[in-house]
Amino acid sequence: MKVSKDAASAARRIYRLCAIEGRIDEAKIRAAFKKIAESKPRDYRAIMHSLLNLVRLDEKSRQATIESATELDADSRKRIEDNLNDQYGGGLSFAYNTNADLLGGIKIRVGNDVWDGSVQSRLERLADAF
């Protein structure tokens, strides 16, 4: 859907109004969608579409995916979660995956940020160097 500049601007303004300390308040965003649907301002569909995309991006940026070659113990998980919450200000949700292709180490993805400390990536960098 093509969104006009005015609709995108309105969606960003509504998004900022629904944020408390950098996090989206679910009740406020639901109320905003309901109000937009009831009042039907000009380009309301485009506003809702753009606002939904902003909410999805925010949700995705709060998702942390941790991949390791072997299953992580509770201490390691706690240490990783504490460090990521300190860095990103808390409110993250965590998903742990086991990927034997990594050979060792871990790979962490939070939103668009990726930290790759796996043996596989080190070997690939070494191979690229030759």
N, C-alpha and C. Protein backbone atom coordinates (compact mmCIF):
# COMPACT_ATOMS: atom_id res chain seq x y z
N MET A 1 0.84 -1.17 0.00
CA MET A 1 0.00 0.00 0.00
C MET A 1 0.89 1.24 0.00
N LYS A 2 0.57 2.16 -0.89
CA LYS A 2 1.31 3.40 -0.96
C LYS A 2 0.76 4.35 0.11
N VAL A 3 1.67 4.89 0.89
CA VAL A 3 1.29 5.77 2.00
C VAL A 3 1.79 7.18 1.69
N SER A 4 0.89 8.15 1.80
CA SER A 4 1.27 9.54 1.54
C SER A 4 2.15 10.06 2.68
N LYS A 5 2.84 11.16 2.41
CA LYS A 5 3.70 11.76 3.42
C LYS A 5 2.89 12.21 4.63
N ASP A 6 1.69 12.74 4.38
CA ASP A 6 0.84 13.20 5.48
C ASP A 6 0.39 12.04 6.36
N ALA A 7 0.02 10.92 5.73
CA ALA A 7 -0.42 9.75 6.50
C ALA A 7 0.75 9.17 7.30
N ALA A 8 1.93 9.10 6.69
CA ALA A 8 3.11 8.58 7.39
C ALA A 8 3.48 9.49 8.56
N SER A 9 3.38 10.78 8.35
CA SER A 9 3.68 11.74 9.40
C SER A 9 2.68 11.61 10.56
N ALA A 10 1.41 11.45 10.22
CA ALA A 10 0.38 11.28 11.26
C ALA A 10 0.62 9.99 12.04
N ALA A 11 1.00 8.94 11.35
CA ALA A 11 1.27 7.66 12.02
C ALA A 11 2.46 7.78 12.97
N ARG A 12 3.51 8.46 12.54
CA ARG A 12 4.68 8.65 13.41
C ARG A 12 4.32 9.48 14.64
N ARG A 13 3.49 10.49 14.46
CA ARG A 13 3.06 11.33 15.57
C ARG A 13 2.24 10.52 16.58
N ILE A 14 1.32 9.71 16.08
CA ILE A 14 0.51 8.85 16.94
C ILE A 14 1.40 7.83 17.66
N TYR A 15 2.36 7.27 16.93
CA TYR A 15 3.29 6.30 17.51
C TYR A 15 4.06 6.91 18.68
N ARG A 16 4.57 8.13 18.47
CA ARG A 16 5.32 8.80 19.55
C ARG A 16 4.42 9.10 20.75
N LEU A 17 3.16 9.43 20.50
CA LEU A 17 2.24 9.71 21.60
C LEU A 17 1.91 8.45 22.41
N CYS A 18 2.00 7.30 21.78
CA CYS A 18 1.70 6.03 22.46
C CYS A 18 2.92 5.44 23.14
N ALA A 19 4.07 6.07 23.01
CA ALA A 19 5.30 5.56 23.62
C ALA A 19 5.51 6.18 24.99
N ILE A 20 5.86 5.33 25.94
CA ILE A 20 6.20 5.78 27.28
C ILE A 20 7.63 5.34 27.54
N GLU A 21 8.53 6.30 27.75
CA GLU A 21 9.95 6.01 27.99
C GLU A 21 10.54 5.12 26.91
N GLY A 22 10.19 5.38 25.66
CA GLY A 22 10.76 4.64 24.54
C GLY A 22 10.11 3.30 24.24
N ARG A 23 9.09 2.93 25.01
CA ARG A 23 8.40 1.66 24.78
C ARG A 23 6.93 1.94 24.48
N ILE A 24 6.37 1.13 23.61
CA ILE A 24 4.98 1.30 23.23
C ILE A 24 4.07 0.76 24.33
N ASP A 25 3.08 1.58 24.69
CA ASP A 25 2.06 1.15 25.65
C ASP A 25 0.94 0.48 24.86
N GLU A 26 0.74 -0.80 25.12
CA GLU A 26 -0.22 -1.59 24.34
C GLU A 26 -1.63 -1.02 24.44
N ALA A 27 -2.04 -0.59 25.61
CA ALA A 27 -3.38 -0.05 25.78
C ALA A 27 -3.57 1.22 24.96
N LYS A 28 -2.55 2.07 24.96
CA LYS A 28 -2.64 3.32 24.19
C LYS A 28 -2.70 3.06 22.69
N ILE A 29 -1.89 2.12 22.22
CA ILE A 29 -1.87 1.85 20.78
C ILE A 29 -3.19 1.23 20.34
N ARG A 30 -3.76 0.36 21.17
CA ARG A 30 -5.08 -0.22 20.84
C ARG A 30 -6.15 0.87 20.80
N ALA A 31 -6.10 1.78 21.77
CA ALA A 31 -7.06 2.88 21.80
C ALA A 31 -6.89 3.77 20.58
N ALA A 32 -5.64 3.98 20.15
CA ALA A 32 -5.39 4.82 18.98
C ALA A 32 -5.97 4.18 17.72
N PHE A 33 -5.75 2.86 17.56
CA PHE A 33 -6.31 2.16 16.39
C PHE A 33 -7.84 2.23 16.41
N LYS A 34 -8.42 2.06 17.59
CA LYS A 34 -9.88 2.10 17.71
C LYS A 34 -10.41 3.49 17.36
N LYS A 35 -9.74 4.52 17.85
CA LYS A 35 -10.15 5.90 17.59
C LYS A 35 -10.04 6.23 16.10
N ILE A 36 -8.97 5.78 15.46
CA ILE A 36 -8.79 6.02 14.02
C ILE A 36 -9.89 5.31 13.23
N ALA A 37 -10.19 4.07 13.61
CA ALA A 37 -11.22 3.30 12.91
C ALA A 37 -12.60 3.92 13.07
N GLU A 38 -12.87 4.49 14.24
CA GLU A 38 -14.18 5.11 14.49
C GLU A 38 -14.33 6.45 13.79
N SER A 39 -13.29 7.29 13.87
CA SER A 39 -13.40 8.65 13.32
C SER A 39 -13.14 8.71 11.82
N LYS A 40 -12.40 7.75 11.30
CA LYS A 40 -12.09 7.65 9.87
C LYS A 40 -11.62 8.98 9.26
N PRO A 41 -10.46 9.46 9.72
CA PRO A 41 -9.94 10.69 9.11
C PRO A 41 -9.47 10.42 7.69
N ARG A 42 -9.13 11.48 7.00
CA ARG A 42 -8.65 11.33 5.63
C ARG A 42 -7.44 10.40 5.61
N ASP A 43 -7.41 9.47 4.67
CA ASP A 43 -6.33 8.48 4.54
C ASP A 43 -6.18 7.61 5.79
N TYR A 44 -7.29 7.31 6.45
CA TYR A 44 -7.19 6.54 7.69
C TYR A 44 -6.62 5.14 7.47
N ARG A 45 -6.88 4.54 6.33
CA ARG A 45 -6.32 3.21 6.07
C ARG A 45 -4.80 3.28 5.94
N ALA A 46 -4.31 4.30 5.27
CA ALA A 46 -2.86 4.47 5.13
C ALA A 46 -2.22 4.78 6.48
N ILE A 47 -2.89 5.57 7.31
CA ILE A 47 -2.39 5.87 8.65
C ILE A 47 -2.29 4.59 9.47
N MET A 48 -3.35 3.79 9.43
CA MET A 48 -3.36 2.54 10.18
C MET A 48 -2.29 1.58 9.66
N HIS A 49 -2.13 1.52 8.37
CA HIS A 49 -1.11 0.64 7.76
C HIS A 49 0.29 1.07 8.21
N SER A 50 0.57 2.35 8.15
CA SER A 50 1.87 2.86 8.53
C SER A 50 2.11 2.69 10.03
N LEU A 51 1.09 2.91 10.83
CA LEU A 51 1.19 2.74 12.28
C LEU A 51 1.45 1.28 12.63
N LEU A 52 0.78 0.38 11.95
CA LEU A 52 1.00 -1.05 12.18
C LEU A 52 2.43 -1.44 11.83
N ASN A 53 2.98 -0.90 10.76
CA ASN A 53 4.37 -1.17 10.40
C ASN A 53 5.33 -0.67 11.48
N LEU A 54 5.05 0.50 12.04
CA LEU A 54 5.90 1.03 13.11
C LEU A 54 5.84 0.14 14.35
N VAL A 55 4.66 -0.36 14.68
CA VAL A 55 4.51 -1.24 15.84
C VAL A 55 5.25 -2.56 15.59
N ARG A 56 5.14 -3.09 14.38
CA ARG A 56 5.85 -4.34 14.05
C ARG A 56 7.36 -4.16 14.14
N LEU A 57 7.87 -3.04 13.66
CA LEU A 57 9.30 -2.76 13.75
C LEU A 57 9.76 -2.66 15.20
N ASP A 58 8.94 -2.02 16.03
CA ASP A 58 9.27 -1.90 17.45
C ASP A 58 9.29 -3.28 18.11
N GLU A 59 8.31 -4.09 17.79
CA GLU A 59 8.24 -5.44 18.35
C GLU A 59 9.45 -6.26 17.92
N LYS A 60 9.82 -6.14 16.66
CA LYS A 60 10.97 -6.88 16.14
C LYS A 60 12.27 -6.43 16.79
N SER A 61 12.38 -5.14 17.10
CA SER A 61 13.60 -4.63 17.71
C SER A 61 13.73 -5.06 19.17
N ARG A 62 12.67 -5.56 19.76
CA ARG A 62 12.68 -6.03 21.14
C ARG A 62 12.80 -7.55 21.24
N GLN A 63 13.04 -8.22 20.12
CA GLN A 63 13.18 -9.67 20.08
C GLN A 63 14.66 -10.04 19.97
N ALA A 64 15.15 -10.83 20.91
CA ALA A 64 16.54 -11.29 20.89
C ALA A 64 16.55 -12.78 20.56
N THR A 65 17.33 -13.16 19.56
CA THR A 65 17.49 -14.56 19.17
C THR A 65 18.93 -14.95 19.42
N ILE A 66 19.11 -15.97 20.24
CA ILE A 66 20.44 -16.45 20.58
C ILE A 66 20.61 -17.86 20.02
N GLU A 67 21.60 -18.02 19.15
CA GLU A 67 21.91 -19.32 18.57
C GLU A 67 23.23 -19.81 19.14
N SER A 68 23.28 -21.07 19.49
CA SER A 68 24.53 -21.66 19.98
C SER A 68 24.69 -23.05 19.40
N ALA A 69 25.92 -23.52 19.41
CA ALA A 69 26.21 -24.84 18.86
C ALA A 69 25.66 -25.93 19.77
N THR A 70 25.67 -25.67 21.08
CA THR A 70 25.12 -26.62 22.05
C THR A 70 24.13 -25.89 22.94
N GLU A 71 23.38 -26.63 23.69
CA GLU A 71 22.39 -26.06 24.60
C GLU A 71 23.10 -25.25 25.69
N LEU A 72 22.65 -24.03 25.93
CA LEU A 72 23.26 -23.17 26.95
C LEU A 72 22.71 -23.52 28.33
N ASP A 73 23.58 -23.46 29.33
CA ASP A 73 23.12 -23.71 30.70
C ASP A 73 22.43 -22.46 31.26
N ALA A 74 21.81 -22.60 32.40
CA ALA A 74 21.02 -21.50 33.00
C ALA A 74 21.88 -20.29 33.32
N ASP A 75 23.11 -20.52 33.81
CA ASP A 75 24.01 -19.40 34.14
C ASP A 75 24.35 -18.57 32.90
N SER A 76 24.66 -19.26 31.82
CA SER A 76 25.01 -18.57 30.57
C SER A 76 23.82 -17.77 30.05
N ARG A 77 22.65 -18.38 30.09
CA ARG A 77 21.44 -17.67 29.64
C ARG A 77 21.18 -16.43 30.47
N LYS A 78 21.32 -16.55 31.77
CA LYS A 78 21.08 -15.42 32.68
C LYS A 78 22.07 -14.30 32.41
N ARG A 79 23.35 -14.66 32.22
CA ARG A 79 24.38 -13.66 31.96
C ARG A 79 24.11 -12.93 30.63
N ILE A 80 23.75 -13.67 29.60
CA ILE A 80 23.44 -13.07 28.30
C ILE A 80 22.23 -12.15 28.41
N GLU A 81 21.17 -12.62 29.08
CA GLU A 81 19.96 -11.81 29.22
C GLU A 81 20.24 -10.53 30.01
N ASP A 82 21.01 -10.63 31.09
CA ASP A 82 21.33 -9.44 31.88
C ASP A 82 22.13 -8.43 31.07
N ASN A 83 23.13 -8.92 30.32
CA ASN A 83 23.94 -8.01 29.51
C ASN A 83 23.12 -7.34 28.42
N LEU A 84 22.26 -8.09 27.75
CA LEU A 84 21.43 -7.50 26.69
C LEU A 84 20.40 -6.53 27.26
N ASN A 85 19.82 -6.86 28.41
CA ASN A 85 18.86 -5.94 29.03
C ASN A 85 19.54 -4.66 29.48
N ASP A 86 20.79 -4.76 29.96
CA ASP A 86 21.54 -3.55 30.32
C ASP A 86 21.81 -2.69 29.10
N GLN A 87 22.17 -3.33 28.01
CA GLN A 87 22.52 -2.60 26.79
C GLN A 87 21.30 -1.99 26.11
N TYR A 88 20.18 -2.72 26.08
CA TYR A 88 18.99 -2.26 25.34
C TYR A 88 17.90 -1.70 26.25
N GLY A 89 18.15 -1.60 27.53
CA GLY A 89 17.18 -0.97 28.42
C GLY A 89 16.05 -1.88 28.85
N GLY A 90 16.20 -3.16 28.76
CA GLY A 90 15.18 -4.10 29.23
C GLY A 90 14.03 -4.24 28.26
N GLY A 91 13.09 -5.08 28.66
CA GLY A 91 11.91 -5.30 27.84
C GLY A 91 12.13 -6.21 26.65
N LEU A 92 13.23 -6.95 26.63
CA LEU A 92 13.49 -7.85 25.52
C LEU A 92 12.84 -9.20 25.75
N SER A 93 12.45 -9.85 24.67
CA SER A 93 12.01 -11.24 24.75
C SER A 93 13.09 -12.09 24.11
N PHE A 94 13.33 -13.27 24.67
CA PHE A 94 14.46 -14.08 24.25
C PHE A 94 13.99 -15.39 23.64
N ALA A 95 14.67 -15.79 22.57
CA ALA A 95 14.44 -17.09 21.94
C ALA A 95 15.80 -17.75 21.78
N TYR A 96 15.90 -18.99 22.23
CA TYR A 96 17.16 -19.74 22.16
C TYR A 96 17.03 -20.85 21.13
N ASN A 97 18.02 -20.95 20.25
CA ASN A 97 18.06 -21.99 19.23
C ASN A 97 19.40 -22.70 19.29
N THR A 98 19.38 -23.97 18.96
CA THR A 98 20.61 -24.74 18.85
C THR A 98 20.88 -25.00 17.38
N ASN A 99 22.11 -24.66 16.95
CA ASN A 99 22.50 -24.81 15.55
C ASN A 99 23.89 -25.44 15.52
N ALA A 100 23.96 -26.72 15.21
CA ALA A 100 25.24 -27.44 15.20
C ALA A 100 26.20 -26.91 14.14
N ASP A 101 25.69 -26.23 13.11
CA ASP A 101 26.54 -25.69 12.05
C ASP A 101 27.49 -24.60 12.56
N LEU A 102 27.19 -24.01 13.72
CA LEU A 102 28.05 -22.95 14.26
C LEU A 102 29.38 -23.51 14.77
N LEU A 103 29.43 -24.80 15.06
CA LEU A 103 30.63 -25.50 15.53
C LEU A 103 31.01 -25.12 16.96
N GLY A 104 30.75 -23.95 17.39
CA GLY A 104 31.07 -23.48 18.73
C GLY A 104 30.76 -22.00 18.83
N GLY A 105 30.69 -21.48 20.05
CA GLY A 105 30.40 -20.06 20.25
C GLY A 105 28.91 -19.78 20.13
N ILE A 106 28.58 -18.48 20.07
CA ILE A 106 27.17 -18.08 19.97
C ILE A 106 27.01 -16.97 18.93
N LYS A 107 25.78 -16.84 18.48
CA LYS A 107 25.39 -15.79 17.55
C LYS A 107 24.14 -15.14 18.14
N ILE A 108 24.19 -13.82 18.34
CA ILE A 108 23.08 -13.09 18.96
C ILE A 108 22.54 -12.07 17.97
N ARG A 109 21.22 -12.04 17.83
CA ARG A 109 20.55 -11.06 16.97
C ARG A 109 19.48 -10.35 17.80
N VAL A 110 19.59 -9.02 17.85
CA VAL A 110 18.59 -8.18 18.50
C VAL A 110 18.19 -7.13 17.49
N GLY A 111 16.96 -7.25 16.98
CA GLY A 111 16.53 -6.33 15.93
C GLY A 111 17.44 -6.46 14.72
N ASN A 112 18.11 -5.37 14.35
CA ASN A 112 19.03 -5.39 13.21
C ASN A 112 20.48 -5.60 13.63
N ASP A 113 20.74 -5.66 14.92
CA ASP A 113 22.10 -5.85 15.42
C ASP A 113 22.42 -7.33 15.50
N VAL A 114 23.62 -7.70 15.04
CA VAL A 114 24.05 -9.10 15.08
C VAL A 114 25.46 -9.15 15.64
N TRP A 115 25.65 -10.02 16.64
CA TRP A 115 26.98 -10.32 17.18
C TRP A 115 27.22 -11.78 16.87
N ASP A 116 28.27 -12.02 16.10
CA ASP A 116 28.56 -13.39 15.68
C ASP A 116 29.91 -13.79 16.24
N GLY A 117 29.88 -14.58 17.30
CA GLY A 117 31.10 -15.08 17.91
C GLY A 117 31.24 -16.57 17.70
N SER A 118 30.72 -17.05 16.58
CA SER A 118 30.75 -18.49 16.32
C SER A 118 32.06 -18.89 15.64
N VAL A 119 32.41 -20.14 15.81
CA VAL A 119 33.61 -20.68 15.17
C VAL A 119 33.42 -20.68 13.66
N GLN A 120 32.22 -20.96 13.20
CA GLN A 120 31.93 -20.99 11.76
C GLN A 120 32.27 -19.64 11.11
N SER A 121 31.85 -18.55 11.73
CA SER A 121 32.13 -17.23 11.13
C SER A 121 33.62 -16.91 11.16
N ARG A 122 34.31 -17.35 12.19
CA ARG A 122 35.76 -17.12 12.25
C ARG A 122 36.47 -17.89 11.14
N LEU A 123 36.03 -19.12 10.92
CA LEU A 123 36.63 -19.91 9.84
C LEU A 123 36.33 -19.29 8.48
N GLU A 124 35.13 -18.77 8.29
CA GLU A 124 34.78 -18.11 7.03
C GLU A 124 35.62 -16.86 6.81
N ARG A 125 35.84 -16.09 7.87
CA ARG A 125 36.69 -14.89 7.75
C ARG A 125 38.12 -15.26 7.43
N LEU A 126 38.60 -16.33 8.04
CA LEU A 126 39.94 -16.80 7.76
C LEU A 126 40.08 -17.27 6.32
N ALA A 127 39.07 -17.99 5.82
CA ALA A 127 39.08 -18.46 4.43
C ALA A 127 39.02 -17.28 3.46
N ASP A 128 38.27 -16.26 3.80
CA ASP A 128 38.18 -15.07 2.94
C ASP A 128 39.50 -14.31 2.90
N ALA A 129 40.27 -14.40 3.98
CA ALA A 129 41.54 -13.68 4.04
C ALA A 129 42.58 -14.27 3.09
N PHE A 130 42.43 -15.56 2.79
CA PHE A 130 43.39 -16.21 1.90
C PHE A 130 42.95 -16.05 0.51
